[in-house]
Amino acid sequence: MLNYWRVVILATIVFGSILAIGMKAYPYGRNGVEIAYIAKDSPARGVLEQGMIITQLNDKQVKNVESWNKMISNISGNITLIANGKRYTLNVNESLGIYV
């Protein structure tokens, strides 16, 4: 067993890394989308920031990018979204201008 001490150390490090990744804390849950970019003419400009996690749009849960794209495809008027656990209300005229 002492001849393979490097393998034992490597296996321990790999196992510990996998365990650490699996136990990662998600403060807003595992659902949601991260804001990658906010357009200059977006109503969210100055309100939301890049890196925020959007978890709800108009009281519907945002699960992933696909559900986000479906939800915003024909959106206009007043909308409510939850980002980083806070509720925001925006007035959308033409485009929301949030890219995830």
C-alpha atoms as a PDB file:
ATOM      1  CA  MET A   1       0.000   0.000   0.000  1.00  0.00           C
ATOM      2  CA  LEU A   2       2.882   2.359   0.714  1.00  0.00           C
ATOM      3  CA  ASN A   3       4.117   1.911  -2.855  1.00  0.00           C
ATOM      4  CA  TYR A   4       0.965   3.599  -4.197  1.00  0.00           C
ATOM      5  CA  TRP A   5       0.823   6.586  -1.853  1.00  0.00           C
ATOM      6  CA  ARG A   6       0.604   9.028  -4.778  1.00  0.00           C
ATOM      7  CA  VAL A   7      -2.479   7.262  -6.111  1.00  0.00           C
ATOM      8  CA  VAL A   8      -4.105   7.369  -2.671  1.00  0.00           C
ATOM      9  CA  ILE A   9      -3.411  11.106  -2.360  1.00  0.00           C
ATOM     10  CA  LEU A  10      -4.713  11.764  -5.887  1.00  0.00           C
ATOM     11  CA  ALA A  11      -7.885   9.739  -5.241  1.00  0.00           C
ATOM     12  CA  THR A  12      -8.461  11.642  -1.986  1.00  0.00           C
ATOM     13  CA  ILE A  13      -8.087  15.007  -3.734  1.00  0.00           C
ATOM     14  CA  VAL A  14     -10.400  14.006  -6.594  1.00  0.00           C
ATOM     15  CA  PHE A  15     -13.032  12.665  -4.191  1.00  0.00           C
ATOM     16  CA  GLY A  16     -12.823  15.818  -2.064  1.00  0.00           C
ATOM     17  CA  SER A  17     -13.182  18.033  -5.142  1.00  0.00           C
ATOM     18  CA  ILE A  18     -16.258  16.169  -6.360  1.00  0.00           C
ATOM     19  CA  LEU A  19     -17.788  16.363  -2.908  1.00  0.00           C
ATOM     20  CA  ALA A  20     -17.101  20.106  -2.668  1.00  0.00           C
ATOM     21  CA  ILE A  21     -18.693  20.792  -6.061  1.00  0.00           C
ATOM     22  CA  GLY A  22     -21.779  18.761  -5.169  1.00  0.00           C
ATOM     23  CA  MET A  23     -22.228  20.623  -1.889  1.00  0.00           C
ATOM     24  CA  LYS A  24     -21.924  24.083  -3.440  1.00  0.00           C
ATOM     25  CA  ALA A  25     -24.319  26.571  -1.890  1.00  0.00           C
ATOM     26  CA  TYR A  26     -26.893  28.126  -4.209  1.00  0.00           C
ATOM     27  CA  PRO A  27     -28.330  31.119  -2.311  1.00  0.00           C
ATOM     28  CA  TYR A  28     -31.203  31.560  -4.787  1.00  0.00           C
ATOM     29  CA  GLY A  29     -31.806  27.881  -5.539  1.00  0.00           C
ATOM     30  CA  ARG A  30     -30.659  25.849  -8.502  1.00  0.00           C
ATOM     31  CA  ASN A  31     -33.171  27.448 -10.874  1.00  0.00           C
ATOM     32  CA  GLY A  32     -32.815  30.823 -12.516  1.00  0.00           C
ATOM     33  CA  VAL A  33     -30.658  32.601 -15.066  1.00  0.00           C
ATOM     34  CA  GLU A  34     -27.653  34.870 -14.625  1.00  0.00           C
ATOM     35  CA  ILE A  35     -27.702  38.290 -16.266  1.00  0.00           C
ATOM     36  CA  ALA A  36     -24.841  38.421 -18.759  1.00  0.00           C
ATOM     37  CA  TYR A  37     -25.539  41.834 -20.299  1.00  0.00           C
ATOM     38  CA  ILE A  38     -28.036  44.697 -20.012  1.00  0.00           C
ATOM     39  CA  ALA A  39     -28.620  46.803 -23.137  1.00  0.00           C
ATOM     40  CA  LYS A  40     -28.137  50.578 -22.965  1.00  0.00           C
ATOM     41  CA  ASP A  41     -31.801  51.279 -23.760  1.00  0.00           C
ATOM     42  CA  SER A  42     -33.141  48.623 -21.380  1.00  0.00           C
ATOM     43  CA  PRO A  43     -35.576  49.623 -18.630  1.00  0.00           C
ATOM     44  CA  ALA A  44     -33.441  47.424 -16.370  1.00  0.00           C
ATOM     45  CA  ARG A  45     -30.345  49.592 -16.920  1.00  0.00           C
ATOM     46  CA  GLY A  46     -29.307  51.099 -13.584  1.00  0.00           C
ATOM     47  CA  VAL A  47     -31.774  48.887 -11.715  1.00  0.00           C
ATOM     48  CA  LEU A  48     -30.347  45.419 -12.266  1.00  0.00           C
ATOM     49  CA  GLU A  49     -26.689  44.479 -12.631  1.00  0.00           C
ATOM     50  CA  GLN A  50     -24.679  41.956 -14.574  1.00  0.00           C
ATOM     51  CA  GLY A  51     -24.245  38.752 -12.573  1.00  0.00           C
ATOM     52  CA  MET A  52     -27.593  38.920 -10.773  1.00  0.00           C
ATOM     53  CA  ILE A  53     -29.694  35.742 -10.772  1.00  0.00           C
ATOM     54  CA  ILE A  54     -33.284  36.100 -12.021  1.00  0.00           C
ATOM     55  CA  THR A  55     -35.516  33.425 -10.482  1.00  0.00           C
ATOM     56  CA  GLN A  56     -39.036  34.691 -11.266  1.00  0.00           C
ATOM     57  CA  LEU A  57     -40.751  36.710 -13.967  1.00  0.00           C
ATOM     58  CA  ASN A  58     -44.369  37.807 -13.428  1.00  0.00           C
ATOM     59  CA  ASP A  59     -44.742  35.295 -10.575  1.00  0.00           C
ATOM     60  CA  LYS A  60     -43.605  32.384 -12.763  1.00  0.00           C
ATOM     61  CA  GLN A  61     -40.427  30.504 -11.940  1.00  0.00           C
ATOM     62  CA  VAL A  62     -37.532  30.877 -14.378  1.00  0.00           C
ATOM     63  CA  LYS A  63     -35.926  27.441 -14.553  1.00  0.00           C
ATOM     64  CA  ASN A  64     -33.284  27.905 -17.248  1.00  0.00           C
ATOM     65  CA  VAL A  65     -32.350  29.934 -20.326  1.00  0.00           C
ATOM     66  CA  GLU A  66     -34.924  28.148 -22.480  1.00  0.00           C
ATOM     67  CA  SER A  67     -37.802  29.024 -20.143  1.00  0.00           C
ATOM     68  CA  TRP A  68     -36.494  32.606 -19.868  1.00  0.00           C
ATOM     69  CA  ASN A  69     -36.468  33.023 -23.658  1.00  0.00           C
ATOM     70  CA  LYS A  70     -40.043  31.723 -23.913  1.00  0.00           C
ATOM     71  CA  MET A  71     -41.227  34.055 -21.157  1.00  0.00           C
ATOM     72  CA  ILE A  72     -39.739  37.230 -22.658  1.00  0.00           C
ATOM     73  CA  SER A  73     -40.590  36.532 -26.315  1.00  0.00           C
ATOM     74  CA  ASN A  74     -43.727  38.739 -26.358  1.00  0.00           C
ATOM     75  CA  ILE A  75     -43.392  40.678 -23.139  1.00  0.00           C
ATOM     76  CA  SER A  76     -44.529  44.295 -22.735  1.00  0.00           C
ATOM     77  CA  GLY A  77     -46.050  46.601 -20.172  1.00  0.00           C
ATOM     78  CA  ASN A  78     -45.337  46.399 -16.469  1.00  0.00           C
ATOM     79  CA  ILE A  79     -43.430  43.308 -15.413  1.00  0.00           C
ATOM     80  CA  THR A  80     -42.287  42.064 -12.047  1.00  0.00           C
ATOM     81  CA  LEU A  81     -39.186  39.992 -11.614  1.00  0.00           C
ATOM     82  CA  ILE A  82     -37.199  38.647  -8.706  1.00  0.00           C
ATOM     83  CA  ALA A  83     -33.431  38.953  -8.946  1.00  0.00           C
ATOM     84  CA  ASN A  84     -31.094  38.006  -6.104  1.00  0.00           C
ATOM     85  CA  GLY A  85     -34.118  37.581  -3.869  1.00  0.00           C
ATOM     86  CA  LYS A  86     -35.458  41.129  -4.385  1.00  0.00           C
ATOM     87  CA  ARG A  87     -38.607  42.113  -6.289  1.00  0.00           C
ATOM     88  CA  TYR A  88     -38.267  44.645  -9.128  1.00  0.00           C
ATOM     89  CA  THR A  89     -40.988  46.228 -11.288  1.00  0.00           C
ATOM     90  CA  LEU A  90     -40.093  47.461 -14.763  1.00  0.00           C
ATOM     91  CA  ASN A  91     -42.063  49.014 -17.622  1.00  0.00           C
ATOM     92  CA  VAL A  92     -41.183  47.336 -20.929  1.00  0.00           C
ATOM     93  CA  ASN A  93     -42.013  49.185 -24.155  1.00  0.00           C
ATOM     94  CA  GLU A  94     -40.229  47.341 -26.955  1.00  0.00           C
ATOM     95  CA  SER A  95     -37.607  45.047 -25.492  1.00  0.00           C
ATOM     96  CA  LEU A  96     -36.561  44.038 -22.003  1.00  0.00           C
ATOM     97  CA  GLY A  97     -32.900  44.264 -23.048  1.00  0.00           C
ATOM     98  CA  ILE A  98     -31.630  41.666 -20.578  1.00  0.00           C
ATOM     99  CA  TYR A  99     -29.386  38.972 -22.017  1.00  0.00           C
ATOM    100  CA  VAL A 100     -28.656  35.820 -20.049  1.00  0.00           C
END
